[in-house]
Amino acid sequence: MTEKEIQVREKQEVQQAGEPTKPERYFVPPVDIYETDEDVTVLADMPGVAKDGVEVRLEDDTLTIKGTKGGNGGEGERVLLREFESGHYLRRFTIAEIIDQAKIEATMVDGVLTLKLPKVEPAKPRKIVVQGG
């Protein structure tokens, strides 16, 4: 394998406007986005986040993904080495008009959030009958 085939990508921290009121760190989860004729699929990688730690909100055409990660290690354990940066996840997307917002679905399996964003059905051409008066 060459150096171009394997590249380490550092976690990118979310730059929030204003002053934070909590000392929590938020990272941008890396995503893959795929499109078919029927829908758009978003895969967000959020290791360490359980299903009940994920919040997906849609407000004013903005889709917000937030993942709250539980603590590392078990109770009574002493940390000897920690290379995985601890924090939560936050990412926002603007949803296009072609997405049927009422039918968006989300699943979380093994730290990967999958969002299915179905496209609206295009208006089908039809003949309009003219009524007489």
C-alpha atoms as a PDB file:
ATOM      1  CA  MET A   1       0.000   0.000   0.000  1.00  0.00           C
ATOM      2  CA  THR A   2       1.170   3.465  -0.784  1.00  0.00           C
ATOM      3  CA  GLU A   3       0.988   6.586   1.365  1.00  0.00           C
ATOM      4  CA  LYS A   4      -1.836   7.911  -0.836  1.00  0.00           C
ATOM      5  CA  GLU A   5      -3.987   4.818  -0.184  1.00  0.00           C
ATOM      6  CA  ILE A   6      -3.960   5.176   3.602  1.00  0.00           C
ATOM      7  CA  GLN A   7      -4.339   8.580   5.174  1.00  0.00           C
ATOM      8  CA  VAL A   8      -5.070   9.380   8.794  1.00  0.00           C
ATOM      9  CA  ARG A   9      -7.709  12.058   9.189  1.00  0.00           C
ATOM     10  CA  GLU A  10      -7.632  14.016  12.429  1.00  0.00           C
ATOM     11  CA  LYS A  11     -10.895  14.771  14.196  1.00  0.00           C
ATOM     12  CA  GLN A  12     -12.265  18.158  13.281  1.00  0.00           C
ATOM     13  CA  GLU A  13     -13.714  20.151  16.162  1.00  0.00           C
ATOM     14  CA  VAL A  14     -16.912  22.141  15.632  1.00  0.00           C
ATOM     15  CA  GLN A  15     -16.306  25.886  15.705  1.00  0.00           C
ATOM     16  CA  GLN A  16     -19.246  27.309  17.647  1.00  0.00           C
ATOM     17  CA  ALA A  17     -20.219  30.953  17.613  1.00  0.00           C
ATOM     18  CA  GLY A  18     -20.346  32.745  20.942  1.00  0.00           C
ATOM     19  CA  GLU A  19     -19.166  31.634  24.346  1.00  0.00           C
ATOM     20  CA  PRO A  20     -19.784  28.030  25.422  1.00  0.00           C
ATOM     21  CA  THR A  21     -21.600  27.529  28.723  1.00  0.00           C
ATOM     22  CA  LYS A  22     -20.464  23.910  29.089  1.00  0.00           C
ATOM     23  CA  PRO A  23     -16.914  22.572  28.867  1.00  0.00           C
ATOM     24  CA  GLU A  24     -17.962  19.919  26.305  1.00  0.00           C
ATOM     25  CA  ARG A  25     -16.216  19.396  22.982  1.00  0.00           C
ATOM     26  CA  TYR A  26     -18.101  18.694  19.765  1.00  0.00           C
ATOM     27  CA  PHE A  27     -16.557  17.072  16.718  1.00  0.00           C
ATOM     28  CA  VAL A  28     -17.764  16.999  13.109  1.00  0.00           C
ATOM     29  CA  PRO A  29     -18.666  13.378  12.252  1.00  0.00           C
ATOM     30  CA  PRO A  30     -17.321  12.292   8.864  1.00  0.00           C
ATOM     31  CA  VAL A  31     -20.112  11.451   6.411  1.00  0.00           C
ATOM     32  CA  ASP A  32     -20.655   9.670   3.116  1.00  0.00           C
ATOM     33  CA  ILE A  33     -23.611  10.778   0.987  1.00  0.00           C
ATOM     34  CA  TYR A  34     -25.110   8.663  -1.798  1.00  0.00           C
ATOM     35  CA  GLU A  35     -27.930   9.454  -4.213  1.00  0.00           C
ATOM     36  CA  THR A  36     -30.307   7.304  -6.241  1.00  0.00           C
ATOM     37  CA  ASP A  37     -33.373   8.246  -8.266  1.00  0.00           C
ATOM     38  CA  GLU A  38     -35.562   7.561  -5.197  1.00  0.00           C
ATOM     39  CA  ASP A  39     -33.577   8.946  -2.259  1.00  0.00           C
ATOM     40  CA  VAL A  40     -30.426  10.408  -0.725  1.00  0.00           C
ATOM     41  CA  THR A  41     -28.582   8.369   1.919  1.00  0.00           C
ATOM     42  CA  VAL A  42     -26.328   9.966   4.527  1.00  0.00           C
ATOM     43  CA  LEU A  43     -23.961   7.783   6.580  1.00  0.00           C
ATOM     44  CA  ALA A  44     -22.426   9.521   9.621  1.00  0.00           C
ATOM     45  CA  ASP A  45     -19.651   7.826  11.595  1.00  0.00           C
ATOM     46  CA  MET A  46     -20.046   8.451  15.340  1.00  0.00           C
ATOM     47  CA  PRO A  47     -18.047   5.806  17.252  1.00  0.00           C
ATOM     48  CA  GLY A  48     -19.023   5.325  20.873  1.00  0.00           C
ATOM     49  CA  VAL A  49     -22.521   6.779  20.427  1.00  0.00           C
ATOM     50  CA  ALA A  50     -25.445   4.495  21.288  1.00  0.00           C
ATOM     51  CA  LYS A  51     -28.868   4.643  19.606  1.00  0.00           C
ATOM     52  CA  ASP A  52     -30.377   6.541  22.538  1.00  0.00           C
ATOM     53  CA  GLY A  53     -27.517   9.077  22.382  1.00  0.00           C
ATOM     54  CA  VAL A  54     -28.467  10.269  18.880  1.00  0.00           C
ATOM     55  CA  GLU A  55     -30.721  13.226  18.189  1.00  0.00           C
ATOM     56  CA  VAL A  56     -31.817  14.090  14.641  1.00  0.00           C
ATOM     57  CA  ARG A  57     -33.829  17.301  14.230  1.00  0.00           C
ATOM     58  CA  LEU A  58     -35.335  19.011  11.209  1.00  0.00           C
ATOM     59  CA  GLU A  59     -36.099  22.700  11.568  1.00  0.00           C
ATOM     60  CA  ASP A  60     -36.421  25.387   8.885  1.00  0.00           C
ATOM     61  CA  ASP A  61     -34.926  23.124   6.178  1.00  0.00           C
ATOM     62  CA  THR A  62     -31.890  22.414   8.397  1.00  0.00           C
ATOM     63  CA  LEU A  63     -31.174  18.811   9.383  1.00  0.00           C
ATOM     64  CA  THR A  64     -29.127  18.635  12.608  1.00  0.00           C
ATOM     65  CA  ILE A  65     -27.335  15.481  13.745  1.00  0.00           C
ATOM     66  CA  LYS A  66     -26.162  15.408  17.347  1.00  0.00           C
ATOM     67  CA  GLY A  67     -24.490  12.448  19.030  1.00  0.00           C
ATOM     68  CA  THR A  68     -23.792  12.237  22.747  1.00  0.00           C
ATOM     69  CA  LYS A  69     -21.043   9.794  23.608  1.00  0.00           C
ATOM     70  CA  GLY A  70     -20.950   7.874  26.864  1.00  0.00           C
ATOM     71  CA  GLY A  71     -17.809   7.695  28.974  1.00  0.00           C
ATOM     72  CA  ASN A  72     -14.879   5.442  28.094  1.00  0.00           C
ATOM     73  CA  GLY A  73     -13.935   2.530  30.294  1.00  0.00           C
ATOM     74  CA  GLY A  74     -15.772   0.924  33.165  1.00  0.00           C
ATOM     75  CA  GLU A  75     -16.413   1.973  36.712  1.00  0.00           C
ATOM     76  CA  GLY A  76     -13.343   1.918  38.941  1.00  0.00           C
ATOM     77  CA  GLU A  77     -10.937   1.679  36.000  1.00  0.00           C
ATOM     78  CA  ARG A  78      -7.867   3.889  35.858  1.00  0.00           C
ATOM     79  CA  VAL A  79      -6.901   5.297  32.457  1.00  0.00           C
ATOM     80  CA  LEU A  80      -3.404   4.195  31.414  1.00  0.00           C
ATOM     81  CA  LEU A  81      -3.535   5.464  27.830  1.00  0.00           C
ATOM     82  CA  ARG A  82      -6.168   7.477  25.976  1.00  0.00           C
ATOM     83  CA  GLU A  83      -5.595   8.127  22.280  1.00  0.00           C
ATOM     84  CA  PHE A  84      -9.257   8.491  21.354  1.00  0.00           C
ATOM     85  CA  GLU A  85     -10.344  12.091  21.890  1.00  0.00           C
ATOM     86  CA  SER A  86     -13.484  12.265  23.964  1.00  0.00           C
ATOM     87  CA  GLY A  87     -16.376  14.478  22.964  1.00  0.00           C
ATOM     88  CA  HIS A  88     -19.723  14.601  21.234  1.00  0.00           C
ATOM     89  CA  TYR A  89     -20.716  14.964  17.575  1.00  0.00           C
ATOM     90  CA  LEU A  90     -22.578  17.746  15.757  1.00  0.00           C
ATOM     91  CA  ARG A  91     -23.275  18.320  12.060  1.00  0.00           C
ATOM     92  CA  ARG A  92     -25.850  20.351  10.126  1.00  0.00           C
ATOM     93  CA  PHE A  93     -27.121  20.085   6.544  1.00  0.00           C
ATOM     94  CA  THR A  94     -29.482  22.242   4.511  1.00  0.00           C
ATOM     95  CA  ILE A  95     -32.204  20.064   2.973  1.00  0.00           C
ATOM     96  CA  ALA A  96     -33.120  20.685  -0.673  1.00  0.00           C
ATOM     97  CA  GLU A  97     -36.696  21.084  -1.874  1.00  0.00           C
ATOM     98  CA  ILE A  98     -36.515  17.692  -3.616  1.00  0.00           C
ATOM     99  CA  ILE A  99     -36.510  15.862  -0.241  1.00  0.00           C
ATOM    100  CA  ASP A 100     -39.824  14.674   1.238  1.00  0.00           C
ATOM    101  CA  GLN A 101     -39.184  15.935   4.781  1.00  0.00           C
ATOM    102  CA  ALA A 102     -42.117  14.006   6.293  1.00  0.00           C
ATOM    103  CA  LYS A 103     -40.603  10.645   5.272  1.00  0.00           C
ATOM    104  CA  ILE A 104     -37.000  10.973   6.533  1.00  0.00           C
ATOM    105  CA  GLU A 105     -35.876   7.848   8.434  1.00  0.00           C
ATOM    106  CA  ALA A 106     -32.881   7.293  10.732  1.00  0.00           C
ATOM    107  CA  THR A 107     -31.199   4.135  12.052  1.00  0.00           C
ATOM    108  CA  MET A 108     -28.122   3.719  14.247  1.00  0.00           C
ATOM    109  CA  VAL A 109     -26.079   0.505  14.075  1.00  0.00           C
ATOM    110  CA  ASP A 110     -22.535  -0.028  15.414  1.00  0.00           C
ATOM    111  CA  GLY A 111     -21.731   3.692  15.648  1.00  0.00           C
ATOM    112  CA  VAL A 112     -22.949   4.500  12.128  1.00  0.00           C
ATOM    113  CA  LEU A 113     -26.030   6.688  11.694  1.00  0.00           C
ATOM    114  CA  THR A 114     -27.909   6.051   8.438  1.00  0.00           C
ATOM    115  CA  LEU A 115     -30.364   8.678   7.251  1.00  0.00           C
ATOM    116  CA  LYS A 116     -32.707   7.916   4.341  1.00  0.00           C
ATOM    117  CA  LEU A 117     -33.995  11.101   2.738  1.00  0.00           C
ATOM    118  CA  PRO A 118     -36.630  10.115   0.164  1.00  0.00           C
ATOM    119  CA  LYS A 119     -37.186  12.409  -2.778  1.00  0.00           C
ATOM    120  CA  VAL A 120     -40.608  13.902  -3.483  1.00  0.00           C
ATOM    121  CA  GLU A 121     -42.531  12.273  -6.273  1.00  0.00           C
ATOM    122  CA  PRO A 122     -42.470  14.457  -9.349  1.00  0.00           C
ATOM    123  CA  ALA A 123     -45.764  15.783 -10.561  1.00  0.00           C
ATOM    124  CA  LYS A 124     -46.994  13.480 -13.301  1.00  0.00           C
ATOM    125  CA  PRO A 125     -48.361  15.010 -16.484  1.00  0.00           C
ATOM    126  CA  ARG A 126     -52.101  14.579 -16.844  1.00  0.00           C
ATOM    127  CA  LYS A 127     -54.867  15.836 -19.029  1.00  0.00           C
ATOM    128  CA  ILE A 128     -57.312  18.182 -17.360  1.00  0.00           C
ATOM    129  CA  VAL A 129     -60.889  17.844 -18.534  1.00  0.00           C
ATOM    130  CA  VAL A 130     -62.562  21.179 -19.235  1.00  0.00           C
ATOM    131  CA  GLN A 131     -66.038  21.340 -17.768  1.00  0.00           C
ATOM    132  CA  GLY A 132     -68.878  23.161 -19.482  1.00  0.00           C
ATOM    133  CA  GLY A 133     -71.004  25.757 -17.743  1.00  0.00           C
END
